Amino acid sequence: MPCRGVRGATTAEDNTSAEILKATRQLLALMIRQNGIRAEDVCSAIFSTTSDLDAEFPALAARQLGWLEVSLMCVHELDVPDSLRRCIRILLHWNTDKPASEMVHVYIKEAARLRPDRSNLPPVDWRELEDWIAEHSNEVARPIRK
């Protein structure tokens, strides 16, 4: 079975643990739902943030969604002048028989301008998405910092 890369990006409202986790959970939930991804089929995930987001590890959002056995890593993006600020990116390495042409890459909020060719998702019902996230949340995974 091939391993495919699935990309996504979003922006956080503020540099707080709550906002970083909320934005990351929303992005990851959309990536999961748009592609039919199951945690047991994900070999690893890389989460990156711009240097202005350092209040929380965005990978914690994956743990909160039950990804307890997936290898996760957090890094900072290059600090390129005039680049998008407060940006969170995810790269999933997913074992799937789907061809690369069927991967749905998710770019939302201000990050939609990074890949306008990949930003043609149907309108997001944010309330319904938050309900889905709450239904799939793992209460054990909590921020370490107060």
C-alpha atoms as a PDB file:
ATOM      1  CA  MET A   1       0.000   0.000   0.000  1.00  0.00           C
ATOM      2  CA  PRO A   2       1.470   3.386  -0.947  1.00  0.00           C
ATOM      3  CA  CYS A   3       2.027   6.214   1.503  1.00  0.00           C
ATOM      4  CA  ARG A   4       0.498   9.515   0.384  1.00  0.00           C
ATOM      5  CA  GLY A   5       1.017  13.028   1.664  1.00  0.00           C
ATOM      6  CA  VAL A   6      -2.034  15.087   2.587  1.00  0.00           C
ATOM      7  CA  ARG A   7      -1.469  18.793   3.247  1.00  0.00           C
ATOM      8  CA  GLY A   8      -3.462  21.452   5.003  1.00  0.00           C
ATOM      9  CA  ALA A   9      -3.088  24.921   6.471  1.00  0.00           C
ATOM     10  CA  THR A  10      -5.079  27.350   8.550  1.00  0.00           C
ATOM     11  CA  THR A  11      -4.554  30.407  10.717  1.00  0.00           C
ATOM     12  CA  ALA A  12      -5.019  30.953  14.440  1.00  0.00           C
ATOM     13  CA  GLU A  13      -6.720  34.050  15.788  1.00  0.00           C
ATOM     14  CA  ASP A  14      -4.167  34.577  18.576  1.00  0.00           C
ATOM     15  CA  ASN A  15      -1.009  33.095  20.039  1.00  0.00           C
ATOM     16  CA  THR A  16      -2.741  31.242  22.863  1.00  0.00           C
ATOM     17  CA  SER A  17      -2.907  27.553  23.634  1.00  0.00           C
ATOM     18  CA  ALA A  18      -6.696  27.546  23.200  1.00  0.00           C
ATOM     19  CA  GLU A  19      -6.600  29.253  19.788  1.00  0.00           C
ATOM     20  CA  ILE A  20      -3.750  27.135  18.422  1.00  0.00           C
ATOM     21  CA  LEU A  21      -5.504  23.936  19.485  1.00  0.00           C
ATOM     22  CA  LYS A  22      -8.894  25.067  18.173  1.00  0.00           C
ATOM     23  CA  ALA A  23      -7.503  26.014  14.755  1.00  0.00           C
ATOM     24  CA  THR A  24      -5.471  22.810  14.513  1.00  0.00           C
ATOM     25  CA  ARG A  25      -8.408  20.591  15.551  1.00  0.00           C
ATOM     26  CA  GLN A  26     -10.620  22.252  12.938  1.00  0.00           C
ATOM     27  CA  LEU A  27      -8.046  21.788  10.196  1.00  0.00           C
ATOM     28  CA  LEU A  28      -7.264  18.196  11.141  1.00  0.00           C
ATOM     29  CA  ALA A  29     -10.973  17.321  11.426  1.00  0.00           C
ATOM     30  CA  LEU A  30     -11.605  18.669   7.925  1.00  0.00           C
ATOM     31  CA  MET A  31      -8.616  16.769   6.538  1.00  0.00           C
ATOM     32  CA  ILE A  32      -9.880  13.559   8.167  1.00  0.00           C
ATOM     33  CA  ARG A  33     -13.435  14.015   6.944  1.00  0.00           C
ATOM     34  CA  GLN A  34     -12.606  15.161   3.412  1.00  0.00           C
ATOM     35  CA  ASN A  35     -10.314  12.178   2.840  1.00  0.00           C
ATOM     36  CA  GLY A  36     -11.850   9.440   4.989  1.00  0.00           C
ATOM     37  CA  ILE A  37      -8.655   9.111   7.050  1.00  0.00           C
ATOM     38  CA  ARG A  38      -8.494   6.662   9.936  1.00  0.00           C
ATOM     39  CA  ALA A  39      -5.837   7.173  12.621  1.00  0.00           C
ATOM     40  CA  GLU A  40      -4.608   3.576  12.261  1.00  0.00           C
ATOM     41  CA  ASP A  41      -3.693   4.309   8.620  1.00  0.00           C
ATOM     42  CA  VAL A  42      -1.571   7.385   9.421  1.00  0.00           C
ATOM     43  CA  CYS A  43       2.143   6.634   9.776  1.00  0.00           C
ATOM     44  CA  SER A  44       3.144  10.111  10.942  1.00  0.00           C
ATOM     45  CA  ALA A  45       2.263  13.780  10.889  1.00  0.00           C
ATOM     46  CA  ILE A  46       4.306  16.962  10.874  1.00  0.00           C
ATOM     47  CA  PHE A  47       2.767  20.129  12.311  1.00  0.00           C
ATOM     48  CA  SER A  48       4.417  23.455  11.647  1.00  0.00           C
ATOM     49  CA  THR A  49       3.706  26.946  12.860  1.00  0.00           C
ATOM     50  CA  THR A  50       5.024  30.323  11.923  1.00  0.00           C
ATOM     51  CA  SER A  51       7.409  31.731  14.535  1.00  0.00           C
ATOM     52  CA  ASP A  52       4.687  33.970  15.995  1.00  0.00           C
ATOM     53  CA  LEU A  53       2.798  30.896  17.277  1.00  0.00           C
ATOM     54  CA  ASP A  54       4.606  29.358  20.228  1.00  0.00           C
ATOM     55  CA  ALA A  55       2.003  29.084  23.000  1.00  0.00           C
ATOM     56  CA  GLU A  56       1.238  25.387  22.358  1.00  0.00           C
ATOM     57  CA  PHE A  57       2.313  22.328  20.421  1.00  0.00           C
ATOM     58  CA  PRO A  58      -0.267  21.969  17.623  1.00  0.00           C
ATOM     59  CA  ALA A  59       0.233  18.183  17.606  1.00  0.00           C
ATOM     60  CA  LEU A  60      -1.653  18.082  20.902  1.00  0.00           C
ATOM     61  CA  ALA A  61      -4.811  18.647  18.843  1.00  0.00           C
ATOM     62  CA  ALA A  62      -4.232  15.269  17.156  1.00  0.00           C
ATOM     63  CA  ARG A  63      -3.846  13.611  20.557  1.00  0.00           C
ATOM     64  CA  GLN A  64      -7.096  15.269  21.607  1.00  0.00           C
ATOM     65  CA  LEU A  65      -8.772  13.636  18.593  1.00  0.00           C
ATOM     66  CA  GLY A  66      -7.530  10.224  19.692  1.00  0.00           C
ATOM     67  CA  TRP A  67      -4.329   9.920  17.667  1.00  0.00           C
ATOM     68  CA  LEU A  68      -2.426   8.332  20.552  1.00  0.00           C
ATOM     69  CA  GLU A  69      -0.392   5.839  18.481  1.00  0.00           C
ATOM     70  CA  VAL A  70       0.566   8.138  15.578  1.00  0.00           C
ATOM     71  CA  SER A  71       4.095   9.580  15.461  1.00  0.00           C
ATOM     72  CA  LEU A  72       3.794  13.385  15.577  1.00  0.00           C
ATOM     73  CA  MET A  73       6.331  16.183  15.275  1.00  0.00           C
ATOM     74  CA  CYS A  74       6.105  19.960  15.633  1.00  0.00           C
ATOM     75  CA  VAL A  75       8.433  22.423  13.909  1.00  0.00           C
ATOM     76  CA  HIS A  76       8.581  26.115  12.997  1.00  0.00           C
ATOM     77  CA  GLU A  77       8.328  27.230   9.372  1.00  0.00           C
ATOM     78  CA  LEU A  78      11.006  29.418   7.839  1.00  0.00           C
ATOM     79  CA  ASP A  79      10.469  33.039   8.826  1.00  0.00           C
ATOM     80  CA  VAL A  80      10.151  34.440   5.299  1.00  0.00           C
ATOM     81  CA  PRO A  81       9.552  38.229   5.097  1.00  0.00           C
ATOM     82  CA  ASP A  82       5.979  39.191   4.216  1.00  0.00           C
ATOM     83  CA  SER A  83       4.709  35.604   4.576  1.00  0.00           C
ATOM     84  CA  LEU A  84       1.378  34.682   6.165  1.00  0.00           C
ATOM     85  CA  ARG A  85       1.428  35.117   9.947  1.00  0.00           C
ATOM     86  CA  ARG A  86      -0.185  32.899  12.637  1.00  0.00           C
ATOM     87  CA  CYS A  87      -0.199  29.993  10.179  1.00  0.00           C
ATOM     88  CA  ILE A  88      -0.447  26.319  11.139  1.00  0.00           C
ATOM     89  CA  ARG A  89       0.389  23.678   8.546  1.00  0.00           C
ATOM     90  CA  ILE A  90      -0.061  19.906   8.658  1.00  0.00           C
ATOM     91  CA  LEU A  91       1.531  17.214   6.517  1.00  0.00           C
ATOM     92  CA  LEU A  92       0.026  13.755   7.051  1.00  0.00           C
ATOM     93  CA  HIS A  93       1.763  10.613   5.805  1.00  0.00           C
ATOM     94  CA  TRP A  94      -1.189   8.332   5.089  1.00  0.00           C
ATOM     95  CA  ASN A  95      -1.164   4.695   4.007  1.00  0.00           C
ATOM     96  CA  THR A  96      -3.903   4.463   1.382  1.00  0.00           C
ATOM     97  CA  ASP A  97      -4.662   2.866  -1.950  1.00  0.00           C
ATOM     98  CA  LYS A  98      -6.188   6.131  -3.172  1.00  0.00           C
ATOM     99  CA  PRO A  99      -4.191   7.739  -5.973  1.00  0.00           C
ATOM    100  CA  ALA A 100      -2.437  11.035  -5.308  1.00  0.00           C
ATOM    101  CA  SER A 101      -4.931  12.763  -7.605  1.00  0.00           C
ATOM    102  CA  GLU A 102      -7.718  11.953  -5.112  1.00  0.00           C
ATOM    103  CA  MET A 103      -6.048  13.541  -2.079  1.00  0.00           C
ATOM    104  CA  VAL A 104      -8.073  16.472  -0.761  1.00  0.00           C
ATOM    105  CA  HIS A 105      -5.674  19.086   0.577  1.00  0.00           C
ATOM    106  CA  VAL A 106      -7.392  21.519   2.947  1.00  0.00           C
ATOM    107  CA  TYR A 107      -6.570  25.233   3.104  1.00  0.00           C
ATOM    108  CA  ILE A 108      -8.935  27.301   5.246  1.00  0.00           C
ATOM    109  CA  LYS A 109      -9.303  30.740   6.799  1.00  0.00           C
ATOM    110  CA  GLU A 110      -6.474  33.118   5.810  1.00  0.00           C
ATOM    111  CA  ALA A 111      -4.359  30.156   4.663  1.00  0.00           C
ATOM    112  CA  ALA A 112      -6.704  29.658   1.699  1.00  0.00           C
ATOM    113  CA  ARG A 113      -4.645  32.288  -0.116  1.00  0.00           C
ATOM    114  CA  LEU A 114      -1.560  30.035   0.066  1.00  0.00           C
ATOM    115  CA  ARG A 115      -3.124  27.559  -2.347  1.00  0.00           C
ATOM    116  CA  PRO A 116      -6.154  29.052  -4.091  1.00  0.00           C
ATOM    117  CA  ASP A 117      -6.106  26.026  -6.402  1.00  0.00           C
ATOM    118  CA  ARG A 118      -6.729  23.796  -3.347  1.00  0.00           C
ATOM    119  CA  SER A 119      -9.172  26.050  -1.504  1.00  0.00           C
ATOM    120  CA  ASN A 120     -12.384  25.021  -3.210  1.00  0.00           C
ATOM    121  CA  LEU A 121     -13.995  23.105  -0.356  1.00  0.00           C
ATOM    122  CA  PRO A 122     -17.729  23.385   0.129  1.00  0.00           C
ATOM    123  CA  PRO A 123     -18.682  25.979   2.768  1.00  0.00           C
ATOM    124  CA  VAL A 124     -17.812  24.784   6.260  1.00  0.00           C
ATOM    125  CA  ASP A 125     -20.576  24.559   8.855  1.00  0.00           C
ATOM    126  CA  TRP A 126     -18.339  25.523  11.794  1.00  0.00           C
ATOM    127  CA  ARG A 127     -20.927  24.630  14.451  1.00  0.00           C
ATOM    128  CA  GLU A 128     -21.404  21.151  12.963  1.00  0.00           C
ATOM    129  CA  LEU A 129     -17.623  20.742  12.725  1.00  0.00           C
ATOM    130  CA  GLU A 130     -17.182  21.701  16.398  1.00  0.00           C
ATOM    131  CA  ASP A 131     -19.889  19.153  17.313  1.00  0.00           C
ATOM    132  CA  TRP A 132     -17.983  16.466  15.365  1.00  0.00           C
ATOM    133  CA  ILE A 133     -14.752  17.443  17.119  1.00  0.00           C
ATOM    134  CA  ALA A 134     -16.423  17.254  20.544  1.00  0.00           C
ATOM    135  CA  GLU A 135     -17.816  13.818  19.690  1.00  0.00           C
ATOM    136  CA  HIS A 136     -14.342  12.553  18.710  1.00  0.00           C
ATOM    137  CA  SER A 137     -12.334  14.243  21.474  1.00  0.00           C
ATOM    138  CA  ASN A 138     -10.119  12.327  23.866  1.00  0.00           C
ATOM    139  CA  GLU A 139     -10.481  13.835  27.331  1.00  0.00           C
ATOM    140  CA  VAL A 140      -7.096  12.473  28.441  1.00  0.00           C
ATOM    141  CA  ALA A 141      -5.033  14.705  26.134  1.00  0.00           C
ATOM    142  CA  ARG A 142      -4.837  18.121  27.744  1.00  0.00           C
ATOM    143  CA  PRO A 143      -2.410  21.042  27.472  1.00  0.00           C
ATOM    144  CA  ILE A 144       0.511  20.705  29.859  1.00  0.00           C
ATOM    145  CA  ARG A 145       0.892  24.416  30.435  1.00  0.00           C
ATOM    146  CA  LYS A 146      -1.655  26.524  32.280  1.00  0.00           C
END
